[in-house]
């Protein structure tokens, strides 16, 4: 069974172009399911047969997740991973049936996405105080988050060449390797332009330090010295990927790329400084982007494209509106709303 799992994970990475994060998530969920099924059959995971991953195993696995107190959303995600794996096994003719289709998906709890009001967002964008390179970088990050609704991983994955300041557009590589073009506004363009001068200085200083370090450690390169490229097309392609250097848009004070964790801490720090709200993550800025567009009359289908959602049902989470908004819409829209009864 372990070999089938490894083959499936390779399939995800190579054929589905899944990110490393997605592959790890699948591996975690499927290892848990296989481990549960093997334990129930009193077998080791490597001795488990594919046809033992049946409907009863799936139902028992979901029951165990419920006993552990995991949310319905988590159970639904794990079930989706198992279904994808089982469909793969059937397509490869490892199993005859698809037991995943015989198990109902747990009904998900409806949770409203956390988001900031327009006033709170204004305060957050003004939070990076001072006139330093890092404060200008932080302001550009917050502006771009709110102006484009990017995911955290999408923002940290941006390169300089992905940005078109004159057209106020950014090229984003989203989930599943899907590329989309997202616009941003003038204040964001101004903030990013102010930061780019600082970025150039940070990167240049880092490069100078790196060259000096190499010179001190190894001495000057000898004439005719070269790095031999690997033989064969597969190894050559791998070599090319290793040689291809990123030029990240957002860098740290050492000139290296900002990590997901660093940006997460950065956003939470500014939220704490500008608002009394708690639990606001970078993803809440994406929720705020979508919510404010919807509140101002944007089409749900357009918001789906901007966010890079594969399904419109995912975007429909943002249709949460309060009673005051509903009343206002009713008064403006119903032909007899202003007539006395």
C-alpha atoms as a PDB file:
ATOM      1  CA  UNK A   1       0.000   0.000   0.000  1.00  0.00           C
ATOM      2  CA  UNK A   2       2.856   2.381   0.789  1.00  0.00           C
ATOM      3  CA  UNK A   3       4.150   2.050  -2.790  1.00  0.00           C
ATOM      4  CA  UNK A   4       0.713   2.929  -4.186  1.00  0.00           C
ATOM      5  CA  UNK A   5       0.635   6.004  -1.944  1.00  0.00           C
ATOM      6  CA  UNK A   6       4.080   7.123  -3.110  1.00  0.00           C
ATOM      7  CA  UNK A   7       3.050   6.673  -6.741  1.00  0.00           C
ATOM      8  CA  UNK A   8      -0.096   8.737  -6.135  1.00  0.00           C
ATOM      9  CA  UNK A   9       1.874  11.573  -4.540  1.00  0.00           C
ATOM     10  CA  UNK A  10       4.230  11.613  -7.535  1.00  0.00           C
ATOM     11  CA  UNK A  11       1.165  11.726  -9.794  1.00  0.00           C
ATOM     12  CA  UNK A  12      -0.137  14.791  -7.904  1.00  0.00           C
ATOM     13  CA  UNK A  13       3.168  16.626  -8.156  1.00  0.00           C
ATOM     14  CA  UNK A  14       3.935  15.814 -11.798  1.00  0.00           C
ATOM     15  CA  UNK A  15       0.557  15.384 -13.512  1.00  0.00           C
ATOM     16  CA  UNK A  16      -1.641  17.669 -11.434  1.00  0.00           C
ATOM     17  CA  UNK A  17       1.101  20.252 -10.857  1.00  0.00           C
ATOM     18  CA  UNK A  18       0.175  20.300  -7.148  1.00  0.00           C
ATOM     19  CA  UNK A  19       2.285  22.434  -4.848  1.00  0.00           C
ATOM     20  CA  UNK A  20       4.590  20.888  -2.241  1.00  0.00           C
ATOM     21  CA  UNK A  21       2.187  22.089   0.457  1.00  0.00           C
ATOM     22  CA  UNK A  22      -0.752  20.315  -1.227  1.00  0.00           C
ATOM     23  CA  UNK A  23       1.227  17.098  -1.650  1.00  0.00           C
ATOM     24  CA  UNK A  24       2.199  17.150   2.037  1.00  0.00           C
ATOM     25  CA  UNK A  25      -1.440  17.671   3.031  1.00  0.00           C
ATOM     26  CA  UNK A  26      -2.545  14.693   0.922  1.00  0.00           C
ATOM     27  CA  UNK A  27       0.250  12.564   2.342  1.00  0.00           C
ATOM     28  CA  UNK A  28      -0.730  13.428   5.923  1.00  0.00           C
ATOM     29  CA  UNK A  29      -4.452  12.721   5.426  1.00  0.00           C
ATOM     30  CA  UNK A  30      -3.927   9.488   3.480  1.00  0.00           C
ATOM     31  CA  UNK A  31      -1.275   8.169   5.865  1.00  0.00           C
ATOM     32  CA  UNK A  32      -3.747   8.715   8.690  1.00  0.00           C
ATOM     33  CA  UNK A  33      -6.506   6.837   6.818  1.00  0.00           C
ATOM     34  CA  UNK A  34      -4.215   3.966   5.814  1.00  0.00           C
ATOM     35  CA  UNK A  35      -2.885   3.752   9.380  1.00  0.00           C
ATOM     36  CA  UNK A  36      -6.420   3.558  10.788  1.00  0.00           C
ATOM     37  CA  UNK A  37      -7.487   0.854   8.296  1.00  0.00           C
ATOM     38  CA  UNK A  38      -4.338  -1.192   8.927  1.00  0.00           C
ATOM     39  CA  UNK A  39      -4.841  -0.981  12.702  1.00  0.00           C
ATOM     40  CA  UNK A  40      -8.432  -2.171  12.357  1.00  0.00           C
ATOM     41  CA  UNK A  41      -7.247  -5.176  10.315  1.00  0.00           C
ATOM     42  CA  UNK A  42      -4.344  -5.806  12.747  1.00  0.00           C
ATOM     43  CA  UNK A  43      -1.837  -5.342   9.927  1.00  0.00           C
ATOM     44  CA  UNK A  44       1.178  -3.194   9.204  1.00  0.00           C
ATOM     45  CA  UNK A  45       0.585  -0.428   6.679  1.00  0.00           C
ATOM     46  CA  UNK A  46       2.860  -2.030   4.097  1.00  0.00           C
ATOM     47  CA  UNK A  47       0.870  -5.287   4.319  1.00  0.00           C
ATOM     48  CA  UNK A  48      -2.517  -3.632   3.743  1.00  0.00           C
ATOM     49  CA  UNK A  49      -4.226  -4.604   0.464  1.00  0.00           C
ATOM     50  CA  UNK A  50      -5.850  -1.895  -1.720  1.00  0.00           C
ATOM     51  CA  UNK A  51      -9.239  -3.667  -1.691  1.00  0.00           C
ATOM     52  CA  UNK A  52      -9.303  -3.314   2.102  1.00  0.00           C
ATOM     53  CA  UNK A  53      -9.852   0.430   1.630  1.00  0.00           C
ATOM     54  CA  UNK A  54     -13.591  -0.144   1.393  1.00  0.00           C
ATOM     55  CA  UNK A  55     -16.764   1.653   2.407  1.00  0.00           C
ATOM     56  CA  UNK A  56     -16.713   0.251   5.935  1.00  0.00           C
ATOM     57  CA  UNK A  57     -13.137   1.440   6.439  1.00  0.00           C
ATOM     58  CA  UNK A  58     -14.105   4.929   5.285  1.00  0.00           C
ATOM     59  CA  UNK A  59     -17.173   5.101   7.538  1.00  0.00           C
ATOM     60  CA  UNK A  60     -15.143   3.894  10.514  1.00  0.00           C
ATOM     61  CA  UNK A  61     -12.432   6.471   9.768  1.00  0.00           C
ATOM     62  CA  UNK A  62     -14.973   9.312   9.718  1.00  0.00           C
ATOM     63  CA  UNK A  63     -16.471   8.040  12.980  1.00  0.00           C
ATOM     64  CA  UNK A  64     -13.039   8.115  14.599  1.00  0.00           C
ATOM     65  CA  UNK A  65     -12.457  11.699  13.430  1.00  0.00           C
ATOM     66  CA  UNK A  66     -15.786  12.646  15.023  1.00  0.00           C
ATOM     67  CA  UNK A  67     -14.786  10.979  18.319  1.00  0.00           C
ATOM     68  CA  UNK A  68     -11.532  12.930  18.275  1.00  0.00           C
ATOM     69  CA  UNK A  69     -13.551  16.149  18.188  1.00  0.00           C
ATOM     70  CA  UNK A  70     -12.342  17.278  14.766  1.00  0.00           C
ATOM     71  CA  UNK A  71     -14.533  19.704  12.859  1.00  0.00           C
ATOM     72  CA  UNK A  72     -16.809  18.674  10.009  1.00  0.00           C
ATOM     73  CA  UNK A  73     -14.720  20.769   7.640  1.00  0.00           C
ATOM     74  CA  UNK A  74     -11.580  18.808   8.592  1.00  0.00           C
ATOM     75  CA  UNK A  75     -13.410  15.487   8.165  1.00  0.00           C
ATOM     76  CA  UNK A  76     -14.736  16.624   4.764  1.00  0.00           C
ATOM     77  CA  UNK A  77     -11.224  17.612   3.656  1.00  0.00           C
ATOM     78  CA  UNK A  78      -9.760  14.253   4.681  1.00  0.00           C
ATOM     79  CA  UNK A  79     -12.620  12.427   2.948  1.00  0.00           C
ATOM     80  CA  UNK A  80     -11.969  14.411  -0.235  1.00  0.00           C
ATOM     81  CA  UNK A  81      -8.294  13.371  -0.130  1.00  0.00           C
ATOM     82  CA  UNK A  82      -9.240   9.698   0.297  1.00  0.00           C
ATOM     83  CA  UNK A  83     -11.777   9.895  -2.550  1.00  0.00           C
ATOM     84  CA  UNK A  84      -9.155  11.336  -4.889  1.00  0.00           C
ATOM     85  CA  UNK A  85      -6.749   8.543  -3.939  1.00  0.00           C
ATOM     86  CA  UNK A  86      -9.385   5.844  -4.468  1.00  0.00           C
ATOM     87  CA  UNK A  87     -10.351   7.253  -7.879  1.00  0.00           C
ATOM     88  CA  UNK A  88      -6.671   7.155  -8.813  1.00  0.00           C
ATOM     89  CA  UNK A  89      -6.406   3.492  -7.732  1.00  0.00           C
ATOM     90  CA  UNK A  90      -9.475   2.613  -9.778  1.00  0.00           C
ATOM     91  CA  UNK A  91      -8.167   4.441 -12.841  1.00  0.00           C
ATOM     92  CA  UNK A  92      -4.894   2.510 -12.482  1.00  0.00           C
ATOM     93  CA  UNK A  93      -6.971  -0.695 -12.218  1.00  0.00           C
ATOM     94  CA  UNK A  94      -5.623  -1.445  -8.749  1.00  0.00           C
ATOM     95  CA  UNK A  95      -9.175  -1.694  -7.377  1.00  0.00           C
ATOM     96  CA  UNK A  96     -12.412  -2.522  -9.195  1.00  0.00           C
ATOM     97  CA  UNK A  97     -14.884  -0.198  -7.450  1.00  0.00           C
ATOM     98  CA  UNK A  98     -14.823   3.314  -6.041  1.00  0.00           C
ATOM     99  CA  UNK A  99     -16.025   3.075  -2.419  1.00  0.00           C
ATOM    100  CA  UNK A 100     -15.496   6.798  -1.872  1.00  0.00           C
ATOM    101  CA  UNK A 101     -18.634   7.590  -3.861  1.00  0.00           C
ATOM    102  CA  UNK A 102     -20.747   5.503  -1.459  1.00  0.00           C
ATOM    103  CA  UNK A 103     -19.923   7.610   1.607  1.00  0.00           C
ATOM    104  CA  UNK A 104     -21.753  10.875   2.243  1.00  0.00           C
ATOM    105  CA  UNK A 105     -19.735  14.041   2.857  1.00  0.00           C
ATOM    106  CA  UNK A 106     -20.168  15.481   6.376  1.00  0.00           C
ATOM    107  CA  UNK A 107     -22.344  18.587   6.269  1.00  0.00           C
ATOM    108  CA  UNK A 108     -20.081  21.531   6.868  1.00  0.00           C
ATOM    109  CA  UNK A 109     -20.674  24.141   9.528  1.00  0.00           C
ATOM    110  CA  UNK A 110     -21.390  27.549   8.022  1.00  0.00           C
ATOM    111  CA  UNK A 111     -18.702  29.926   9.232  1.00  0.00           C
ATOM    112  CA  UNK A 112     -18.584  33.561   8.267  1.00  0.00           C
ATOM    113  CA  UNK A 113     -15.080  34.607   7.200  1.00  0.00           C
ATOM    114  CA  UNK A 114     -13.376  37.055   9.552  1.00  0.00           C
ATOM    115  CA  UNK A 115     -12.878  40.423   7.938  1.00  0.00           C
ATOM    116  CA  UNK A 116     -12.155  44.032   8.819  1.00  0.00           C
ATOM    117  CA  UNK A 117     -14.473  46.954   8.213  1.00  0.00           C
ATOM    118  CA  UNK A 118     -13.444  49.680   5.775  1.00  0.00           C
ATOM    119  CA  UNK A 119     -12.506  51.933   8.700  1.00  0.00           C
ATOM    120  CA  UNK A 120     -10.401  49.212  10.289  1.00  0.00           C
ATOM    121  CA  UNK A 121      -8.660  48.564   6.977  1.00  0.00           C
ATOM    122  CA  UNK A 122      -7.825  52.260   6.624  1.00  0.00           C
ATOM    123  CA  UNK A 123      -6.300  52.255  10.111  1.00  0.00           C
ATOM    124  CA  UNK A 124      -4.314  49.107   9.296  1.00  0.00           C
ATOM    125  CA  UNK A 125      -2.890  50.563   6.079  1.00  0.00           C
ATOM    126  CA  UNK A 126      -1.767  53.634   8.044  1.00  0.00           C
ATOM    127  CA  UNK A 127      -0.182  51.506  10.805  1.00  0.00           C
ATOM    128  CA  UNK A 128       3.393  51.193   9.427  1.00  0.00           C
ATOM    129  CA  UNK A 129       4.819  54.397  10.881  1.00  0.00           C
ATOM    130  CA  UNK A 130       8.151  56.030  10.152  1.00  0.00           C
ATOM    131  CA  UNK A 131      10.176  56.588   7.032  1.00  0.00           C
ATOM    132  CA  UNK A 132      12.450  53.535   7.003  1.00  0.00           C
ATOM    133  CA  UNK A 133      12.998  50.894   4.306  1.00  0.00           C
ATOM    134  CA  UNK A 134      11.182  48.252   6.356  1.00  0.00           C
ATOM    135  CA  UNK A 135       8.192  50.466   7.136  1.00  0.00           C
ATOM    136  CA  UNK A 136       7.864  51.290   3.429  1.00  0.00           C
ATOM    137  CA  UNK A 137       8.077  47.572   2.622  1.00  0.00           C
ATOM    138  CA  UNK A 138       5.399  46.745   5.214  1.00  0.00           C
ATOM    139  CA  UNK A 139       3.102  49.449   3.858  1.00  0.00           C
ATOM    140  CA  UNK A 140       3.509  48.055   0.329  1.00  0.00           C
ATOM    141  CA  UNK A 141       2.685  44.536   1.579  1.00  0.00           C
ATOM    142  CA  UNK A 142      -0.495  45.643   3.355  1.00  0.00           C
ATOM    143  CA  UNK A 143      -1.586  47.785   0.406  1.00  0.00           C
ATOM    144  CA  UNK A 144      -1.072  44.946  -2.087  1.00  0.00           C
ATOM    145  CA  UNK A 145      -2.858  42.446   0.158  1.00  0.00           C
ATOM    146  CA  UNK A 146      -5.965  44.606   0.370  1.00  0.00           C
ATOM    147  CA  UNK A 147      -5.883  45.944  -3.193  1.00  0.00           C
ATOM    148  CA  UNK A 148      -5.616  42.543  -4.874  1.00  0.00           C
ATOM    149  CA  UNK A 149      -7.004  39.962  -2.435  1.00  0.00           C
ATOM    150  CA  UNK A 150      -3.950  37.722  -2.715  1.00  0.00           C
ATOM    151  CA  UNK A 151      -3.402  34.593  -0.654  1.00  0.00           C
ATOM    152  CA  UNK A 152      -0.419  34.713   1.704  1.00  0.00           C
ATOM    153  CA  UNK A 153       1.504  32.139  -0.338  1.00  0.00           C
ATOM    154  CA  UNK A 154       0.746  34.066  -3.537  1.00  0.00           C
ATOM    155  CA  UNK A 155       2.137  37.302  -2.126  1.00  0.00           C
ATOM    156  CA  UNK A 156       5.364  35.727  -0.846  1.00  0.00           C
ATOM    157  CA  UNK A 157       5.725  33.923  -4.194  1.00  0.00           C
ATOM    158  CA  UNK A 158       5.726  37.141  -6.237  1.00  0.00           C
ATOM    159  CA  UNK A 159       8.826  38.065  -8.208  1.00  0.00           C
ATOM    160  CA  UNK A 160       9.695  41.571  -9.360  1.00  0.00           C
ATOM    161  CA  UNK A 161       8.906  40.629 -12.969  1.00  0.00           C
ATOM    162  CA  UNK A 162       5.344  39.689 -11.958  1.00  0.00           C
ATOM    163  CA  UNK A 163       4.585  43.343 -11.245  1.00  0.00           C
ATOM    164  CA  UNK A 164       3.503  45.854 -13.892  1.00  0.00           C
ATOM    165  CA  UNK A 165       3.404  49.229 -12.153  1.00  0.00           C
ATOM    166  CA  UNK A 166       2.450  51.255 -15.217  1.00  0.00           C
ATOM    167  CA  UNK A 167      -0.586  49.039 -15.934  1.00  0.00           C
ATOM    168  CA  UNK A 168      -1.262  48.500 -12.200  1.00  0.00           C
ATOM    169  CA  UNK A 169      -1.439  44.746 -12.689  1.00  0.00           C
ATOM    170  CA  UNK A 170       0.181  41.798 -10.941  1.00  0.00           C
ATOM    171  CA  UNK A 171       0.624  38.275 -12.309  1.00  0.00           C
ATOM    172  CA  UNK A 172      -0.209  35.670  -9.683  1.00  0.00           C
ATOM    173  CA  UNK A 173       0.481  31.935  -9.599  1.00  0.00           C
ATOM    174  CA  UNK A 174      -2.399  30.476  -7.596  1.00  0.00           C
ATOM    175  CA  UNK A 175      -3.489  27.043  -6.449  1.00  0.00           C
ATOM    176  CA  UNK A 176      -2.840  24.210  -8.885  1.00  0.00           C
ATOM    177  CA  UNK A 177      -0.335  26.352 -10.762  1.00  0.00           C
ATOM    178  CA  UNK A 178      -3.130  28.453 -12.275  1.00  0.00           C
ATOM    179  CA  UNK A 179      -2.017  31.895 -13.369  1.00  0.00           C
ATOM    180  CA  UNK A 180      -4.222  34.970 -13.188  1.00  0.00           C
ATOM    181  CA  UNK A 181      -3.808  38.722 -13.645  1.00  0.00           C
ATOM    182  CA  UNK A 182      -5.103  40.928 -10.838  1.00  0.00           C
ATOM    183  CA  UNK A 183      -5.378  44.743 -10.896  1.00  0.00           C
ATOM    184  CA  UNK A 184      -4.449  47.044  -8.037  1.00  0.00           C
ATOM    185  CA  UNK A 185      -5.017  50.726  -7.298  1.00  0.00           C
ATOM    186  CA  UNK A 186      -2.986  53.904  -7.446  1.00  0.00           C
ATOM    187  CA  UNK A 187      -2.171  54.090  -3.734  1.00  0.00           C
ATOM    188  CA  UNK A 188      -0.777  50.566  -3.912  1.00  0.00           C
ATOM    189  CA  UNK A 189       1.332  51.447  -6.957  1.00  0.00           C
ATOM    190  CA  UNK A 190       2.701  54.460  -5.072  1.00  0.00           C
ATOM    191  CA  UNK A 191       3.539  52.371  -1.994  1.00  0.00           C
ATOM    192  CA  UNK A 192       5.242  49.633  -4.026  1.00  0.00           C
ATOM    193  CA  UNK A 193       7.208  52.140  -6.092  1.00  0.00           C
ATOM    194  CA  UNK A 194       8.491  53.797  -2.899  1.00  0.00           C
ATOM    195  CA  UNK A 195       9.575  50.410  -1.562  1.00  0.00           C
ATOM    196  CA  UNK A 196      11.351  49.231  -4.744  1.00  0.00           C
ATOM    197  CA  UNK A 197      14.172  51.745  -4.311  1.00  0.00           C
ATOM    198  CA  UNK A 198      14.833  50.366  -0.817  1.00  0.00           C
ATOM    199  CA  UNK A 199      14.610  46.800  -2.117  1.00  0.00           C
ATOM    200  CA  UNK A 200      17.305  47.444  -4.699  1.00  0.00           C
ATOM    201  CA  UNK A 201      19.626  48.758  -1.995  1.00  0.00           C
ATOM    202  CA  UNK A 202      18.971  45.798   0.322  1.00  0.00           C
ATOM    203  CA  UNK A 203      19.574  43.233  -2.415  1.00  0.00           C
ATOM    204  CA  UNK A 204      22.719  44.981  -3.678  1.00  0.00           C
ATOM    205  CA  UNK A 205      24.248  45.159  -0.190  1.00  0.00           C
ATOM    206  CA  UNK A 206      23.509  41.474   0.332  1.00  0.00           C
ATOM    207  CA  UNK A 207      25.121  40.572  -2.983  1.00  0.00           C
ATOM    208  CA  UNK A 208      28.268  42.542  -2.111  1.00  0.00           C
ATOM    209  CA  UNK A 209      28.522  40.805   1.277  1.00  0.00           C
ATOM    210  CA  UNK A 210      28.043  37.409  -0.368  1.00  0.00           C
ATOM    211  CA  UNK A 211      30.776  38.027  -2.956  1.00  0.00           C
ATOM    212  CA  UNK A 212      33.214  39.194  -0.248  1.00  0.00           C
ATOM    213  CA  UNK A 213      32.432  36.125   1.848  1.00  0.00           C
ATOM    214  CA  UNK A 214      33.065  33.780  -1.067  1.00  0.00           C
ATOM    215  CA  UNK A 215      36.294  35.552  -1.915  1.00  0.00           C
ATOM    216  CA  UNK A 216      37.490  35.263   1.695  1.00  0.00           C
ATOM    217  CA  UNK A 217      36.536  31.586   1.933  1.00  0.00           C
ATOM    218  CA  UNK A 218      37.719  30.224  -1.405  1.00  0.00           C
ATOM    219  CA  UNK A 219      39.953  32.835  -2.900  1.00  0.00           C
ATOM    220  CA  UNK A 220      39.695  34.064  -6.489  1.00  0.00           C
ATOM    221  CA  UNK A 221      38.312  31.626  -9.042  1.00  0.00           C
ATOM    222  CA  UNK A 222      40.889  29.932 -11.224  1.00  0.00           C
ATOM    223  CA  UNK A 223      40.943  30.563 -14.929  1.00  0.00           C
ATOM    224  CA  UNK A 224      38.965  28.007 -16.866  1.00  0.00           C
ATOM    225  CA  UNK A 225      37.048  26.873 -13.782  1.00  0.00           C
ATOM    226  CA  UNK A 226      33.520  25.796 -14.589  1.00  0.00           C
ATOM    227  CA  UNK A 227      30.679  23.756 -13.172  1.00  0.00           C
ATOM    228  CA  UNK A 228      30.004  20.593 -15.129  1.00  0.00           C
ATOM    229  CA  UNK A 229      26.358  20.154 -16.126  1.00  0.00           C
ATOM    230  CA  UNK A 230      24.777  16.743 -15.496  1.00  0.00           C
ATOM    231  CA  UNK A 231      24.258  14.346 -18.390  1.00  0.00           C
ATOM    232  CA  UNK A 232      20.856  13.382 -19.752  1.00  0.00           C
ATOM    233  CA  UNK A 233      17.735  15.503 -20.358  1.00  0.00           C
ATOM    234  CA  UNK A 234      16.119  14.773 -16.970  1.00  0.00           C
ATOM    235  CA  UNK A 235      19.240  15.721 -15.005  1.00  0.00           C
ATOM    236  CA  UNK A 236      19.826  18.728 -17.243  1.00  0.00           C
ATOM    237  CA  UNK A 237      16.288  19.948 -16.555  1.00  0.00           C
ATOM    238  CA  UNK A 238      16.816  19.512 -12.834  1.00  0.00           C
ATOM    239  CA  UNK A 239      20.103  21.399 -13.094  1.00  0.00           C
ATOM    240  CA  UNK A 240      18.375  24.246 -14.943  1.00  0.00           C
ATOM    241  CA  UNK A 241      15.726  24.521 -12.231  1.00  0.00           C
ATOM    242  CA  UNK A 242      18.404  24.675  -9.569  1.00  0.00           C
ATOM    243  CA  UNK A 243      20.332  27.335 -11.490  1.00  0.00           C
ATOM    244  CA  UNK A 244      17.235  29.486 -12.070  1.00  0.00           C
ATOM    245  CA  UNK A 245      17.285  32.124  -9.342  1.00  0.00           C
ATOM    246  CA  UNK A 246      14.202  33.874  -8.035  1.00  0.00           C
ATOM    247  CA  UNK A 247      14.048  37.630  -7.806  1.00  0.00           C
ATOM    248  CA  UNK A 248      11.490  37.952  -4.965  1.00  0.00           C
ATOM    249  CA  UNK A 249       9.485  41.142  -4.782  1.00  0.00           C
ATOM    250  CA  UNK A 250       9.438  41.339  -0.993  1.00  0.00           C
ATOM    251  CA  UNK A 251      12.714  40.812   0.856  1.00  0.00           C
ATOM    252  CA  UNK A 252      13.876  40.925   4.479  1.00  0.00           C
ATOM    253  CA  UNK A 253      16.485  43.250   5.923  1.00  0.00           C
ATOM    254  CA  UNK A 254      19.224  40.862   4.736  1.00  0.00           C
ATOM    255  CA  UNK A 255      17.939  40.993   1.154  1.00  0.00           C
ATOM    256  CA  UNK A 256      16.589  37.431   1.205  1.00  0.00           C
ATOM    257  CA  UNK A 257      12.997  36.458   0.346  1.00  0.00           C
ATOM    258  CA  UNK A 258      10.357  37.046   2.997  1.00  0.00           C
ATOM    259  CA  UNK A 259       8.863  33.797   4.272  1.00  0.00           C
ATOM    260  CA  UNK A 260       5.173  33.029   4.770  1.00  0.00           C
ATOM    261  CA  UNK A 261       5.711  32.978   8.532  1.00  0.00           C
ATOM    262  CA  UNK A 262       7.430  36.369   8.533  1.00  0.00           C
ATOM    263  CA  UNK A 263       4.578  38.030   6.631  1.00  0.00           C
ATOM    264  CA  UNK A 264       2.012  36.360   8.897  1.00  0.00           C
ATOM    265  CA  UNK A 265       3.742  37.792  11.990  1.00  0.00           C
ATOM    266  CA  UNK A 266       4.059  41.177  10.307  1.00  0.00           C
ATOM    267  CA  UNK A 267       0.320  41.412   9.526  1.00  0.00           C
ATOM    268  CA  UNK A 268      -0.751  40.237  12.985  1.00  0.00           C
ATOM    269  CA  UNK A 269       1.546  42.796  14.623  1.00  0.00           C
ATOM    270  CA  UNK A 270       0.052  45.691  12.676  1.00  0.00           C
ATOM    271  CA  UNK A 271      -3.512  44.479  13.279  1.00  0.00           C
ATOM    272  CA  UNK A 272      -2.819  44.359  17.027  1.00  0.00           C
ATOM    273  CA  UNK A 273      -1.416  47.894  16.889  1.00  0.00           C
ATOM    274  CA  UNK A 274      -4.297  49.395  14.887  1.00  0.00           C
ATOM    275  CA  UNK A 275      -7.346  47.482  16.090  1.00  0.00           C
ATOM    276  CA  UNK A 276      -8.875  45.778  19.111  1.00  0.00           C
ATOM    277  CA  UNK A 277      -9.752  42.760  16.960  1.00  0.00           C
ATOM    278  CA  UNK A 278      -8.071  39.429  17.687  1.00  0.00           C
ATOM    279  CA  UNK A 279      -7.418  36.427  15.482  1.00  0.00           C
ATOM    280  CA  UNK A 280      -7.062  38.485  12.313  1.00  0.00           C
ATOM    281  CA  UNK A 281      -4.692  36.701   9.927  1.00  0.00           C
ATOM    282  CA  UNK A 282      -3.386  37.711   6.481  1.00  0.00           C
ATOM    283  CA  UNK A 283      -6.242  35.674   4.992  1.00  0.00           C
ATOM    284  CA  UNK A 284      -8.697  38.047   6.705  1.00  0.00           C
ATOM    285  CA  UNK A 285      -7.360  40.809   4.425  1.00  0.00           C
ATOM    286  CA  UNK A 286      -8.386  38.648   1.467  1.00  0.00           C
ATOM    287  CA  UNK A 287     -11.827  38.226   3.059  1.00  0.00           C
ATOM    288  CA  UNK A 288     -11.998  42.002   3.569  1.00  0.00           C
ATOM    289  CA  UNK A 289     -11.121  42.605  -0.077  1.00  0.00           C
ATOM    290  CA  UNK A 290     -13.962  40.348  -1.270  1.00  0.00           C
ATOM    291  CA  UNK A 291     -16.491  41.565   1.297  1.00  0.00           C
ATOM    292  CA  UNK A 292     -15.945  45.250   0.539  1.00  0.00           C
ATOM    293  CA  UNK A 293     -16.194  44.663  -3.222  1.00  0.00           C
ATOM    294  CA  UNK A 294     -19.467  42.807  -2.734  1.00  0.00           C
ATOM    295  CA  UNK A 295     -20.853  45.470  -0.412  1.00  0.00           C
ATOM    296  CA  UNK A 296     -20.177  48.096  -3.066  1.00  0.00           C
ATOM    297  CA  UNK A 297     -22.023  46.175  -5.759  1.00  0.00           C
ATOM    298  CA  UNK A 298     -19.345  44.087  -7.461  1.00  0.00           C
ATOM    299  CA  UNK A 299     -20.530  41.033  -9.367  1.00  0.00           C
ATOM    300  CA  UNK A 300     -19.928  37.715  -7.588  1.00  0.00           C
ATOM    301  CA  UNK A 301     -18.539  36.151 -10.761  1.00  0.00           C
ATOM    302  CA  UNK A 302     -15.977  38.953 -11.114  1.00  0.00           C
ATOM    303  CA  UNK A 303     -14.920  38.495  -7.481  1.00  0.00           C
ATOM    304  CA  UNK A 304     -14.461  34.777  -8.160  1.00  0.00           C
ATOM    305  CA  UNK A 305     -12.049  35.569 -10.990  1.00  0.00           C
ATOM    306  CA  UNK A 306     -10.106  38.093  -8.894  1.00  0.00           C
ATOM    307  CA  UNK A 307      -9.746  35.641  -6.005  1.00  0.00           C
ATOM    308  CA  UNK A 308      -8.823  32.724  -8.263  1.00  0.00           C
ATOM    309  CA  UNK A 309     -11.572  30.446  -6.920  1.00  0.00           C
ATOM    310  CA  UNK A 310     -12.193  27.337  -9.011  1.00  0.00           C
ATOM    311  CA  UNK A 311     -15.812  27.155  -7.839  1.00  0.00           C
ATOM    312  CA  UNK A 312     -18.388  29.912  -7.433  1.00  0.00           C
ATOM    313  CA  UNK A 313     -19.711  28.169  -4.314  1.00  0.00           C
ATOM    314  CA  UNK A 314     -16.450  29.073  -2.557  1.00  0.00           C
ATOM    315  CA  UNK A 315     -16.954  32.752  -3.387  1.00  0.00           C
ATOM    316  CA  UNK A 316     -20.550  32.662  -2.119  1.00  0.00           C
ATOM    317  CA  UNK A 317     -19.230  32.650   1.454  1.00  0.00           C
ATOM    318  CA  UNK A 318     -18.788  36.394   1.050  1.00  0.00           C
ATOM    319  CA  UNK A 319     -22.482  37.039   0.569  1.00  0.00           C
ATOM    320  CA  UNK A 320     -22.832  37.551   4.322  1.00  0.00           C
ATOM    321  CA  UNK A 321     -24.494  40.938   4.861  1.00  0.00           C
ATOM    322  CA  UNK A 322     -25.928  42.389   8.026  1.00  0.00           C
ATOM    323  CA  UNK A 323     -29.540  43.315   8.669  1.00  0.00           C
ATOM    324  CA  UNK A 324     -28.912  47.012   8.092  1.00  0.00           C
ATOM    325  CA  UNK A 325     -27.524  46.319   4.625  1.00  0.00           C
ATOM    326  CA  UNK A 326     -30.468  44.087   3.768  1.00  0.00           C
ATOM    327  CA  UNK A 327     -32.891  46.791   4.891  1.00  0.00           C
ATOM    328  CA  UNK A 328     -31.043  49.406   2.841  1.00  0.00           C
ATOM    329  CA  UNK A 329     -31.104  47.201  -0.272  1.00  0.00           C
ATOM    330  CA  UNK A 330     -34.808  46.540   0.259  1.00  0.00           C
ATOM    331  CA  UNK A 331     -35.628  50.240   0.604  1.00  0.00           C
ATOM    332  CA  UNK A 332     -33.702  51.114  -2.534  1.00  0.00           C
ATOM    333  CA  UNK A 333     -34.929  48.216  -4.636  1.00  0.00           C
ATOM    334  CA  UNK A 334     -38.545  47.361  -3.820  1.00  0.00           C
ATOM    335  CA  UNK A 335     -41.025  49.469  -5.846  1.00  0.00           C
ATOM    336  CA  UNK A 336     -43.396  49.914  -2.895  1.00  0.00           C
ATOM    337  CA  UNK A 337     -40.814  50.239  -0.103  1.00  0.00           C
ATOM    338  CA  UNK A 338     -41.412  53.980   0.381  1.00  0.00           C
ATOM    339  CA  UNK A 339     -45.151  53.850   0.080  1.00  0.00           C
ATOM    340  CA  UNK A 340     -47.227  53.997   3.218  1.00  0.00           C
ATOM    341  CA  UNK A 341     -49.304  50.945   3.984  1.00  0.00           C
END
